Amino acid sequence: FGLAWPNFQIDVAYDTSDTYKVGSMS
């Protein structure tokens, strides 16, 4: 999900599979 202001945005994400998992924030 993400939140967006006119001059600022923050996003988080997650990717999952049997052998690989990754979390991200930007």
mmCIF file of all heavy atoms, coordinates in Angstrom:
data_MODEL
# 
_entry.id   MODEL 
# 
loop_
_atom_site.group_PDB 
_atom_site.id 
_atom_site.type_symbol 
_atom_site.label_atom_id 
_atom_site.label_alt_id 
_atom_site.label_comp_id 
_atom_site.label_asym_id 
_atom_site.label_entity_id 
_atom_site.label_seq_id 
_atom_site.pdbx_PDB_ins_code 
_atom_site.Cartn_x 
_atom_site.Cartn_y 
_atom_site.Cartn_z 
_atom_site.occupancy 
_atom_site.B_iso_or_equiv 
_atom_site.pdbx_formal_charge 
_atom_site.auth_seq_id 
_atom_site.auth_comp_id 
_atom_site.auth_asym_id 
_atom_site.auth_atom_id 
_atom_site.pdbx_PDB_model_num 
ATOM 1   N N   . PHE A 1 1  ? 0.850  -1.192  0.000  1.00 0.00 ? 1  PHE A N   1 
ATOM 2   C CA  . PHE A 1 1  ? 0.000  0.000   0.000  1.00 0.00 ? 1  PHE A CA  1 
ATOM 3   C C   . PHE A 1 1  ? 0.880  1.235   0.000  1.00 0.00 ? 1  PHE A C   1 
ATOM 4   O O   . PHE A 1 1  ? 2.101  1.162   0.232  1.00 0.00 ? 1  PHE A O   1 
ATOM 5   C CB  . PHE A 1 1  ? -0.938 0.010   1.212  1.00 0.00 ? 1  PHE A CB  1 
ATOM 6   C CG  . PHE A 1 1  ? -0.254 0.068   2.541  1.00 0.00 ? 1  PHE A CG  1 
ATOM 7   C CD1 . PHE A 1 1  ? 0.069  1.291   3.135  1.00 0.00 ? 1  PHE A CD1 1 
ATOM 8   C CD2 . PHE A 1 1  ? 0.093  -1.098  3.205  1.00 0.00 ? 1  PHE A CD2 1 
ATOM 9   C CE1 . PHE A 1 1  ? 0.714  1.345   4.351  1.00 0.00 ? 1  PHE A CE1 1 
ATOM 10  C CE2 . PHE A 1 1  ? 0.741  -1.053  4.440  1.00 0.00 ? 1  PHE A CE2 1 
ATOM 11  C CZ  . PHE A 1 1  ? 1.057  0.170   5.006  1.00 0.00 ? 1  PHE A CZ  1 
ATOM 12  N N   . GLY A 1 2  ? 0.258  2.389   -0.244 1.00 0.00 ? 2  GLY A N   1 
ATOM 13  C CA  . GLY A 1 2  ? 0.993  3.640   -0.254 1.00 0.00 ? 2  GLY A CA  1 
ATOM 14  C C   . GLY A 1 2  ? 0.112  4.804   0.117  1.00 0.00 ? 2  GLY A C   1 
ATOM 15  O O   . GLY A 1 2  ? -1.105 4.776   -0.053 1.00 0.00 ? 2  GLY A O   1 
ATOM 16  N N   . LEU A 1 3  ? 0.738  5.840   0.639  1.00 0.00 ? 3  LEU A N   1 
ATOM 17  C CA  . LEU A 1 3  ? 0.085  7.107   0.960  1.00 0.00 ? 3  LEU A CA  1 
ATOM 18  C C   . LEU A 1 3  ? 0.760  8.190   0.136  1.00 0.00 ? 3  LEU A C   1 
ATOM 19  O O   . LEU A 1 3  ? 2.002  8.260   0.069  1.00 0.00 ? 3  LEU A O   1 
ATOM 20  C CB  . LEU A 1 3  ? 0.211  7.416   2.448  1.00 0.00 ? 3  LEU A CB  1 
ATOM 21  C CG  . LEU A 1 3  ? -0.539 6.475   3.405  1.00 0.00 ? 3  LEU A CG  1 
ATOM 22  C CD1 . LEU A 1 3  ? -0.106 6.733   4.837  1.00 0.00 ? 3  LEU A CD1 1 
ATOM 23  C CD2 . LEU A 1 3  ? -2.043 6.655   3.260  1.00 0.00 ? 3  LEU A CD2 1 
ATOM 24  N N   . ALA A 1 4  ? -0.041 9.072   -0.468 1.00 0.00 ? 4  ALA A N   1 
ATOM 25  C CA  . ALA A 1 4  ? 0.505  10.082  -1.372 1.00 0.00 ? 4  ALA A CA  1 
ATOM 26  C C   . ALA A 1 4  ? 0.010  11.468  -0.990 1.00 0.00 ? 4  ALA A C   1 
ATOM 27  O O   . ALA A 1 4  ? -1.197 11.722  -0.998 1.00 0.00 ? 4  ALA A O   1 
ATOM 28  C CB  . ALA A 1 4  ? 0.117  9.761   -2.810 1.00 0.00 ? 4  ALA A CB  1 
ATOM 29  N N   . TRP A 1 5  ? 0.940  12.339  -0.652 1.00 0.00 ? 5  TRP A N   1 
ATOM 30  C CA  . TRP A 1 5  ? 0.687  13.757  -0.476 1.00 0.00 ? 5  TRP A CA  1 
ATOM 31  C C   . TRP A 1 5  ? 1.192  14.479  -1.733 1.00 0.00 ? 5  TRP A C   1 
ATOM 32  O O   . TRP A 1 5  ? 1.870  13.884  -2.567 1.00 0.00 ? 5  TRP A O   1 
ATOM 33  C CB  . TRP A 1 5  ? 1.409  14.271  0.756  1.00 0.00 ? 5  TRP A CB  1 
ATOM 34  C CG  . TRP A 1 5  ? 0.877  13.738  2.050  1.00 0.00 ? 5  TRP A CG  1 
ATOM 35  C CD1 . TRP A 1 5  ? -0.048 14.330  2.868  1.00 0.00 ? 5  TRP A CD1 1 
ATOM 36  C CD2 . TRP A 1 5  ? 1.249  12.509  2.698  1.00 0.00 ? 5  TRP A CD2 1 
ATOM 37  N NE1 . TRP A 1 5  ? -0.297 13.552  3.965  1.00 0.00 ? 5  TRP A NE1 1 
ATOM 38  C CE2 . TRP A 1 5  ? 0.490  12.431  3.898  1.00 0.00 ? 5  TRP A CE2 1 
ATOM 39  C CE3 . TRP A 1 5  ? 2.121  11.466  2.389  1.00 0.00 ? 5  TRP A CE3 1 
ATOM 40  C CZ2 . TRP A 1 5  ? 0.593  11.362  4.774  1.00 0.00 ? 5  TRP A CZ2 1 
ATOM 41  C CZ3 . TRP A 1 5  ? 2.235  10.401  3.256  1.00 0.00 ? 5  TRP A CZ3 1 
ATOM 42  C CH2 . TRP A 1 5  ? 1.474  10.357  4.430  1.00 0.00 ? 5  TRP A CH2 1 
ATOM 43  N N   . PRO A 1 6  ? 0.882  15.750  -1.892 1.00 0.00 ? 6  PRO A N   1 
ATOM 44  C CA  . PRO A 1 6  ? 1.331  16.447  -3.110 1.00 0.00 ? 6  PRO A CA  1 
ATOM 45  C C   . PRO A 1 6  ? 2.838  16.371  -3.348 1.00 0.00 ? 6  PRO A C   1 
ATOM 46  O O   . PRO A 1 6  ? 3.282  16.221  -4.485 1.00 0.00 ? 6  PRO A O   1 
ATOM 47  C CB  . PRO A 1 6  ? 0.860  17.893  -2.877 1.00 0.00 ? 6  PRO A CB  1 
ATOM 48  C CG  . PRO A 1 6  ? -0.330 17.759  -1.995 1.00 0.00 ? 6  PRO A CG  1 
ATOM 49  C CD  . PRO A 1 6  ? -0.020 16.606  -1.077 1.00 0.00 ? 6  PRO A CD  1 
ATOM 50  N N   . ASN A 1 7  ? 3.642  16.454  -2.274 1.00 0.00 ? 7  ASN A N   1 
ATOM 51  C CA  . ASN A 1 7  ? 5.094  16.476  -2.446 1.00 0.00 ? 7  ASN A CA  1 
ATOM 52  C C   . ASN A 1 7  ? 5.812  15.339  -1.733 1.00 0.00 ? 7  ASN A C   1 
ATOM 53  O O   . ASN A 1 7  ? 7.043  15.358  -1.619 1.00 0.00 ? 7  ASN A O   1 
ATOM 54  C CB  . ASN A 1 7  ? 5.650  17.818  -1.948 1.00 0.00 ? 7  ASN A CB  1 
ATOM 55  C CG  . ASN A 1 7  ? 5.148  18.981  -2.777 1.00 0.00 ? 7  ASN A CG  1 
ATOM 56  O OD1 . ASN A 1 7  ? 5.145  18.917  -4.012 1.00 0.00 ? 7  ASN A OD1 1 
ATOM 57  N ND2 . ASN A 1 7  ? 4.694  20.037  -2.112 1.00 0.00 ? 7  ASN A ND2 1 
ATOM 58  N N   . PHE A 1 8  ? 5.060  14.370  -1.248 1.00 0.00 ? 8  PHE A N   1 
ATOM 59  C CA  . PHE A 1 8  ? 5.684  13.274  -0.512 1.00 0.00 ? 8  PHE A CA  1 
ATOM 60  C C   . PHE A 1 8  ? 4.843  12.014  -0.677 1.00 0.00 ? 8  PHE A C   1 
ATOM 61  O O   . PHE A 1 8  ? 3.614  12.065  -0.698 1.00 0.00 ? 8  PHE A O   1 
ATOM 62  C CB  . PHE A 1 8  ? 5.811  13.621  0.973  1.00 0.00 ? 8  PHE A CB  1 
ATOM 63  C CG  . PHE A 1 8  ? 6.368  12.508  1.819  1.00 0.00 ? 8  PHE A CG  1 
ATOM 64  C CD1 . PHE A 1 8  ? 7.671  12.077  1.646  1.00 0.00 ? 8  PHE A CD1 1 
ATOM 65  C CD2 . PHE A 1 8  ? 5.581  11.881  2.769  1.00 0.00 ? 8  PHE A CD2 1 
ATOM 66  C CE1 . PHE A 1 8  ? 8.188  11.053  2.420  1.00 0.00 ? 8  PHE A CE1 1 
ATOM 67  C CE2 . PHE A 1 8  ? 6.085  10.860  3.551  1.00 0.00 ? 8  PHE A CE2 1 
ATOM 68  C CZ  . PHE A 1 8  ? 7.397  10.441  3.374  1.00 0.00 ? 8  PHE A CZ  1 
ATOM 69  N N   . GLN A 1 9  ? 5.515  10.883  -0.806 1.00 0.00 ? 9  GLN A N   1 
ATOM 70  C CA  . GLN A 1 9  ? 4.828  9.599   -0.958 1.00 0.00 ? 9  GLN A CA  1 
ATOM 71  C C   . GLN A 1 9  ? 5.624  8.529   -0.225 1.00 0.00 ? 9  GLN A C   1 
ATOM 72  O O   . GLN A 1 9  ? 6.860  8.520   -0.272 1.00 0.00 ? 9  GLN A O   1 
ATOM 73  C CB  . GLN A 1 9  ? 4.707  9.242   -2.440 1.00 0.00 ? 9  GLN A CB  1 
ATOM 74  C CG  . GLN A 1 9  ? 4.026  7.920   -2.725 1.00 0.00 ? 9  GLN A CG  1 
ATOM 75  C CD  . GLN A 1 9  ? 3.853  7.688   -4.223 1.00 0.00 ? 9  GLN A CD  1 
ATOM 76  O OE1 . GLN A 1 9  ? 3.646  8.625   -4.988 1.00 0.00 ? 9  GLN A OE1 1 
ATOM 77  N NE2 . GLN A 1 9  ? 3.954  6.438   -4.642 1.00 0.00 ? 9  GLN A NE2 1 
ATOM 78  N N   . ILE A 1 10 ? 4.919  7.631   0.444  1.00 0.00 ? 10 ILE A N   1 
ATOM 79  C CA  . ILE A 1 10 ? 5.571  6.519   1.121  1.00 0.00 ? 10 ILE A CA  1 
ATOM 80  C C   . ILE A 1 10 ? 4.857  5.233   0.729  1.00 0.00 ? 10 ILE A C   1 
ATOM 81  O O   . ILE A 1 10 ? 3.620  5.193   0.660  1.00 0.00 ? 10 ILE A O   1 
ATOM 82  C CB  . ILE A 1 10 ? 5.598  6.705   2.648  1.00 0.00 ? 10 ILE A CB  1 
ATOM 83  C CG1 . ILE A 1 10 ? 6.437  5.598   3.304  1.00 0.00 ? 10 ILE A CG1 1 
ATOM 84  C CG2 . ILE A 1 10 ? 4.194  6.788   3.231  1.00 0.00 ? 10 ILE A CG2 1 
ATOM 85  C CD1 . ILE A 1 10 ? 6.781  5.877   4.752  1.00 0.00 ? 10 ILE A CD1 1 
ATOM 86  N N   . ASP A 1 11 ? 5.624  4.185   0.440  1.00 0.00 ? 11 ASP A N   1 
ATOM 87  C CA  . ASP A 1 11 ? 5.075  2.909   -0.022 1.00 0.00 ? 11 ASP A CA  1 
ATOM 88  C C   . ASP A 1 11 ? 5.745  1.766   0.715  1.00 0.00 ? 11 ASP A C   1 
ATOM 89  O O   . ASP A 1 11 ? 6.947  1.823   1.024  1.00 0.00 ? 11 ASP A O   1 
ATOM 90  C CB  . ASP A 1 11 ? 5.295  2.732   -1.529 1.00 0.00 ? 11 ASP A CB  1 
ATOM 91  C CG  . ASP A 1 11 ? 4.669  3.840   -2.344 1.00 0.00 ? 11 ASP A CG  1 
ATOM 92  O OD1 . ASP A 1 11 ? 3.436  3.952   -2.330 1.00 0.00 ? 11 ASP A OD1 1 
ATOM 93  O OD2 . ASP A 1 11 ? 5.435  4.603   -2.974 1.00 0.00 ? 11 ASP A OD2 1 
ATOM 94  N N   . VAL A 1 12 ? 4.978  0.721   0.981  1.00 0.00 ? 12 VAL A N   1 
ATOM 95  C CA  . VAL A 1 12 ? 5.523  -0.507  1.545  1.00 0.00 ? 12 VAL A CA  1 
ATOM 96  C C   . VAL A 1 12 ? 5.032  -1.681  0.701  1.00 0.00 ? 12 VAL A C   1 
ATOM 97  O O   . VAL A 1 12 ? 3.963  -1.617  0.077  1.00 0.00 ? 12 VAL A O   1 
ATOM 98  C CB  . VAL A 1 12 ? 5.116  -0.701  3.022  1.00 0.00 ? 12 VAL A CB  1 
ATOM 99  C CG1 . VAL A 1 12 ? 5.680  0.401   3.878  1.00 0.00 ? 12 VAL A CG1 1 
ATOM 100 C CG2 . VAL A 1 12 ? 3.608  -0.792  3.163  1.00 0.00 ? 12 VAL A CG2 1 
ATOM 101 N N   . ALA A 1 13 ? 5.801  -2.768  0.671  1.00 0.00 ? 13 ALA A N   1 
ATOM 102 C CA  . ALA A 1 13 ? 5.449  -3.917  -0.167 1.00 0.00 ? 13 ALA A CA  1 
ATOM 103 C C   . ALA A 1 13 ? 6.056  -5.188  0.402  1.00 0.00 ? 13 ALA A C   1 
ATOM 104 O O   . ALA A 1 13 ? 7.044  -5.144  1.152  1.00 0.00 ? 13 ALA A O   1 
ATOM 105 C CB  . ALA A 1 13 ? 5.937  -3.709  -1.598 1.00 0.00 ? 13 ALA A CB  1 
ATOM 106 N N   . TYR A 1 14 ? 5.464  -6.304  -0.007 1.00 0.00 ? 14 TYR A N   1 
ATOM 107 C CA  . TYR A 1 14 ? 5.955  -7.608  0.410  1.00 0.00 ? 14 TYR A CA  1 
ATOM 108 C C   . TYR A 1 14 ? 5.788  -8.587  -0.748 1.00 0.00 ? 14 TYR A C   1 
ATOM 109 O O   . TYR A 1 14 ? 4.762  -8.590  -1.436 1.00 0.00 ? 14 TYR A O   1 
ATOM 110 C CB  . TYR A 1 14 ? 5.178  -8.112  1.634  1.00 0.00 ? 14 TYR A CB  1 
ATOM 111 C CG  . TYR A 1 14 ? 5.725  -9.384  2.241  1.00 0.00 ? 14 TYR A CG  1 
ATOM 112 C CD1 . TYR A 1 14 ? 6.951  -9.396  2.878  1.00 0.00 ? 14 TYR A CD1 1 
ATOM 113 C CD2 . TYR A 1 14 ? 4.999  -10.568 2.172  1.00 0.00 ? 14 TYR A CD2 1 
ATOM 114 C CE1 . TYR A 1 14 ? 7.467  -10.554 3.447  1.00 0.00 ? 14 TYR A CE1 1 
ATOM 115 C CE2 . TYR A 1 14 ? 5.494  -11.742 2.748  1.00 0.00 ? 14 TYR A CE2 1 
ATOM 116 C CZ  . TYR A 1 14 ? 6.726  -11.724 3.377  1.00 0.00 ? 14 TYR A CZ  1 
ATOM 117 O OH  . TYR A 1 14 ? 7.227  -12.884 3.936  1.00 0.00 ? 14 TYR A OH  1 
ATOM 118 N N   . ASP A 1 15 ? 6.802  -9.404  -0.971 1.00 0.00 ? 15 ASP A N   1 
ATOM 119 C CA  . ASP A 1 15 ? 6.808  -10.416 -2.027 1.00 0.00 ? 15 ASP A CA  1 
ATOM 120 C C   . ASP A 1 15 ? 7.123  -11.752 -1.366 1.00 0.00 ? 15 ASP A C   1 
ATOM 121 O O   . ASP A 1 15 ? 8.121  -11.883 -0.659 1.00 0.00 ? 15 ASP A O   1 
ATOM 122 C CB  . ASP A 1 15 ? 7.879  -10.058 -3.069 1.00 0.00 ? 15 ASP A CB  1 
ATOM 123 C CG  . ASP A 1 15 ? 7.996  -11.063 -4.208 1.00 0.00 ? 15 ASP A CG  1 
ATOM 124 O OD1 . ASP A 1 15 ? 7.730  -12.267 -3.994 1.00 0.00 ? 15 ASP A OD1 1 
ATOM 125 O OD2 . ASP A 1 15 ? 8.383  -10.648 -5.314 1.00 0.00 ? 15 ASP A OD2 1 
ATOM 126 N N   . THR A 1 16 ? 6.281  -12.766 -1.603 1.00 0.00 ? 16 THR A N   1 
ATOM 127 C CA  . THR A 1 16 ? 6.503  -14.063 -0.972 1.00 0.00 ? 16 THR A CA  1 
ATOM 128 C C   . THR A 1 16 ? 6.356  -15.190 -1.978 1.00 0.00 ? 16 THR A C   1 
ATOM 129 O O   . THR A 1 16 ? 5.494  -15.157 -2.866 1.00 0.00 ? 16 THR A O   1 
ATOM 130 C CB  . THR A 1 16 ? 5.533  -14.286 0.209  1.00 0.00 ? 16 THR A CB  1 
ATOM 131 O OG1 . THR A 1 16 ? 5.803  -15.554 0.811  1.00 0.00 ? 16 THR A OG1 1 
ATOM 132 C CG2 . THR A 1 16 ? 4.083  -14.255 -0.251 1.00 0.00 ? 16 THR A CG2 1 
ATOM 133 N N   . SER A 1 17 ? 7.233  -16.181 -1.864 1.00 0.00 ? 17 SER A N   1 
ATOM 134 C CA  . SER A 1 17 ? 7.151  -17.426 -2.626 1.00 0.00 ? 17 SER A CA  1 
ATOM 135 C C   . SER A 1 17 ? 7.664  -18.533 -1.722 1.00 0.00 ? 17 SER A C   1 
ATOM 136 O O   . SER A 1 17 ? 8.015  -18.301 -0.570 1.00 0.00 ? 17 SER A O   1 
ATOM 137 C CB  . SER A 1 17 ? 7.971  -17.348 -3.919 1.00 0.00 ? 17 SER A CB  1 
ATOM 138 O OG  . SER A 1 17 ? 9.359  -17.315 -3.622 1.00 0.00 ? 17 SER A OG  1 
ATOM 139 N N   . ASP A 1 18 ? 7.741  -19.755 -2.244 1.00 0.00 ? 18 ASP A N   1 
ATOM 140 C CA  . ASP A 1 18 ? 8.203  -20.878 -1.422 1.00 0.00 ? 18 ASP A CA  1 
ATOM 141 C C   . ASP A 1 18 ? 9.630  -20.690 -0.934 1.00 0.00 ? 18 ASP A C   1 
ATOM 142 O O   . ASP A 1 18 ? 9.985  -21.120 0.170  1.00 0.00 ? 18 ASP A O   1 
ATOM 143 C CB  . ASP A 1 18 ? 8.091  -22.186 -2.210 1.00 0.00 ? 18 ASP A CB  1 
ATOM 144 C CG  . ASP A 1 18 ? 6.653  -22.631 -2.415 1.00 0.00 ? 18 ASP A CG  1 
ATOM 145 O OD1 . ASP A 1 18 ? 5.779  -22.139 -1.668 1.00 0.00 ? 18 ASP A OD1 1 
ATOM 146 O OD2 . ASP A 1 18 ? 6.404  -23.451 -3.306 1.00 0.00 ? 18 ASP A OD2 1 
ATOM 147 N N   . THR A 1 19 ? 10.473 -20.074 -1.742 1.00 0.00 ? 19 THR A N   1 
ATOM 148 C CA  . THR A 1 19 ? 11.895 -20.004 -1.401 1.00 0.00 ? 19 THR A CA  1 
ATOM 149 C C   . THR A 1 19 ? 12.427 -18.599 -1.225 1.00 0.00 ? 19 THR A C   1 
ATOM 150 O O   . THR A 1 19 ? 13.596 -18.427 -0.897 1.00 0.00 ? 19 THR A O   1 
ATOM 151 C CB  . THR A 1 19 ? 12.744 -20.701 -2.491 1.00 0.00 ? 19 THR A CB  1 
ATOM 152 O OG1 . THR A 1 19 ? 12.596 -19.986 -3.726 1.00 0.00 ? 19 THR A OG1 1 
ATOM 153 C CG2 . THR A 1 19 ? 12.317 -22.142 -2.669 1.00 0.00 ? 19 THR A CG2 1 
ATOM 154 N N   . TYR A 1 20 ? 11.610 -17.583 -1.444 1.00 0.00 ? 20 TYR A N   1 
ATOM 155 C CA  . TYR A 1 20 ? 12.119 -16.215 -1.419 1.00 0.00 ? 20 TYR A CA  1 
ATOM 156 C C   . TYR A 1 20 ? 11.069 -15.280 -0.843 1.00 0.00 ? 20 TYR A C   1 
ATOM 157 O O   . TYR A 1 20 ? 9.906  -15.313 -1.266 1.00 0.00 ? 20 TYR A O   1 
ATOM 158 C CB  . TYR A 1 20 ? 12.504 -15.777 -2.837 1.00 0.00 ? 20 TYR A CB  1 
ATOM 159 C CG  . TYR A 1 20 ? 13.157 -14.417 -2.933 1.00 0.00 ? 20 TYR A CG  1 
ATOM 160 C CD1 . TYR A 1 20 ? 14.423 -14.192 -2.396 1.00 0.00 ? 20 TYR A CD1 1 
ATOM 161 C CD2 . TYR A 1 20 ? 12.510 -13.367 -3.590 1.00 0.00 ? 20 TYR A CD2 1 
ATOM 162 C CE1 . TYR A 1 20 ? 15.029 -12.948 -2.503 1.00 0.00 ? 20 TYR A CE1 1 
ATOM 163 C CE2 . TYR A 1 20 ? 13.121 -12.121 -3.705 1.00 0.00 ? 20 TYR A CE2 1 
ATOM 164 C CZ  . TYR A 1 20 ? 14.379 -11.915 -3.149 1.00 0.00 ? 20 TYR A CZ  1 
ATOM 165 O OH  . TYR A 1 20 ? 14.974 -10.685 -3.253 1.00 0.00 ? 20 TYR A OH  1 
ATOM 166 N N   . LYS A 1 21 ? 11.467 -14.437 0.109  1.00 0.00 ? 21 LYS A N   1 
ATOM 167 C CA  . LYS A 1 21 ? 10.566 -13.463 0.707  1.00 0.00 ? 21 LYS A CA  1 
ATOM 168 C C   . LYS A 1 21 ? 11.328 -12.160 0.855  1.00 0.00 ? 21 LYS A C   1 
ATOM 169 O O   . LYS A 1 21 ? 12.486 -12.149 1.283  1.00 0.00 ? 21 LYS A O   1 
ATOM 170 C CB  . LYS A 1 21 ? 10.054 -13.950 2.065  1.00 0.00 ? 21 LYS A CB  1 
ATOM 171 C CG  . LYS A 1 21 ? 9.357  -15.316 1.988  1.00 0.00 ? 21 LYS A CG  1 
ATOM 172 C CD  . LYS A 1 21 ? 8.865  -15.795 3.343  1.00 0.00 ? 21 LYS A CD  1 
ATOM 173 C CE  . LYS A 1 21 ? 8.399  -17.241 3.271  1.00 0.00 ? 21 LYS A CE  1 
ATOM 174 N NZ  . LYS A 1 21 ? 7.333  -17.465 2.303  1.00 0.00 ? 21 LYS A NZ  1 
ATOM 175 N N   . VAL A 1 22 ? 10.664 -11.061 0.504  1.00 0.00 ? 22 VAL A N   1 
ATOM 176 C CA  . VAL A 1 22 ? 11.319 -9.764  0.594  1.00 0.00 ? 22 VAL A CA  1 
ATOM 177 C C   . VAL A 1 22 ? 10.313 -8.715  1.026  1.00 0.00 ? 22 VAL A C   1 
ATOM 178 O O   . VAL A 1 22 ? 9.165  -8.702  0.570  1.00 0.00 ? 22 VAL A O   1 
ATOM 179 C CB  . VAL A 1 22 ? 11.989 -9.381  -0.755 1.00 0.00 ? 22 VAL A CB  1 
ATOM 180 C CG1 . VAL A 1 22 ? 10.971 -9.314  -1.880 1.00 0.00 ? 22 VAL A CG1 1 
ATOM 181 C CG2 . VAL A 1 22 ? 12.725 -8.061  -0.635 1.00 0.00 ? 22 VAL A CG2 1 
ATOM 182 N N   . GLY A 1 23 ? 10.738 -7.837  1.921  1.00 0.00 ? 23 GLY A N   1 
ATOM 183 C CA  . GLY A 1 23 ? 9.956  -6.687  2.320  1.00 0.00 ? 23 GLY A CA  1 
ATOM 184 C C   . GLY A 1 23 ? 10.645 -5.412  1.905  1.00 0.00 ? 23 GLY A C   1 
ATOM 185 O O   . GLY A 1 23 ? 11.886 -5.337  1.881  1.00 0.00 ? 23 GLY A O   1 
ATOM 186 N N   . SER A 1 24 ? 9.858  -4.386  1.578  1.00 0.00 ? 24 SER A N   1 
ATOM 187 C CA  . SER A 1 24 ? 10.429 -3.163  1.048  1.00 0.00 ? 24 SER A CA  1 
ATOM 188 C C   . SER A 1 24 ? 9.655  -1.955  1.561  1.00 0.00 ? 24 SER A C   1 
ATOM 189 O O   . SER A 1 24 ? 8.431  -2.017  1.746  1.00 0.00 ? 24 SER A O   1 
ATOM 190 C CB  . SER A 1 24 ? 10.393 -3.170  -0.492 1.00 0.00 ? 24 SER A CB  1 
ATOM 191 O OG  . SER A 1 24 ? 10.718 -1.911  -1.028 1.00 0.00 ? 24 SER A OG  1 
ATOM 192 N N   . MET A 1 25 ? 10.376 -0.860  1.761  1.00 0.00 ? 25 MET A N   1 
ATOM 193 C CA  . MET A 1 25 ? 9.761  0.425   2.086  1.00 0.00 ? 25 MET A CA  1 
ATOM 194 C C   . MET A 1 25 ? 10.492 1.498   1.293  1.00 0.00 ? 25 MET A C   1 
ATOM 195 O O   . MET A 1 25 ? 11.725 1.519   1.272  1.00 0.00 ? 25 MET A O   1 
ATOM 196 C CB  . MET A 1 25 ? 9.831  0.731   3.574  1.00 0.00 ? 25 MET A CB  1 
ATOM 197 C CG  . MET A 1 25 ? 9.273  2.103   3.943  1.00 0.00 ? 25 MET A CG  1 
ATOM 198 S SD  . MET A 1 25 ? 9.313  2.435   5.741  1.00 0.00 ? 25 MET A SD  1 
ATOM 199 C CE  . MET A 1 25 ? 8.046  1.303   6.288  1.00 0.00 ? 25 MET A CE  1 
ATOM 200 N N   . SER A 1 26 ? 9.739  2.347   0.642  1.00 0.00 ? 26 SER A N   1 
ATOM 201 C CA  . SER A 1 26 ? 10.368 3.417   -0.136 1.00 0.00 ? 26 SER A CA  1 
ATOM 202 C C   . SER A 1 26 ? 9.631  4.733   0.090  1.00 0.00 ? 26 SER A C   1 
ATOM 203 O O   . SER A 1 26 ? 8.466  4.759   0.463  1.00 0.00 ? 26 SER A O   1 
ATOM 204 C CB  . SER A 1 26 ? 10.402 3.063   -1.627 1.00 0.00 ? 26 SER A CB  1 
ATOM 205 O OG  . SER A 1 26 ? 9.099  2.911   -2.144 1.00 0.00 ? 26 SER A OG  1 
# 
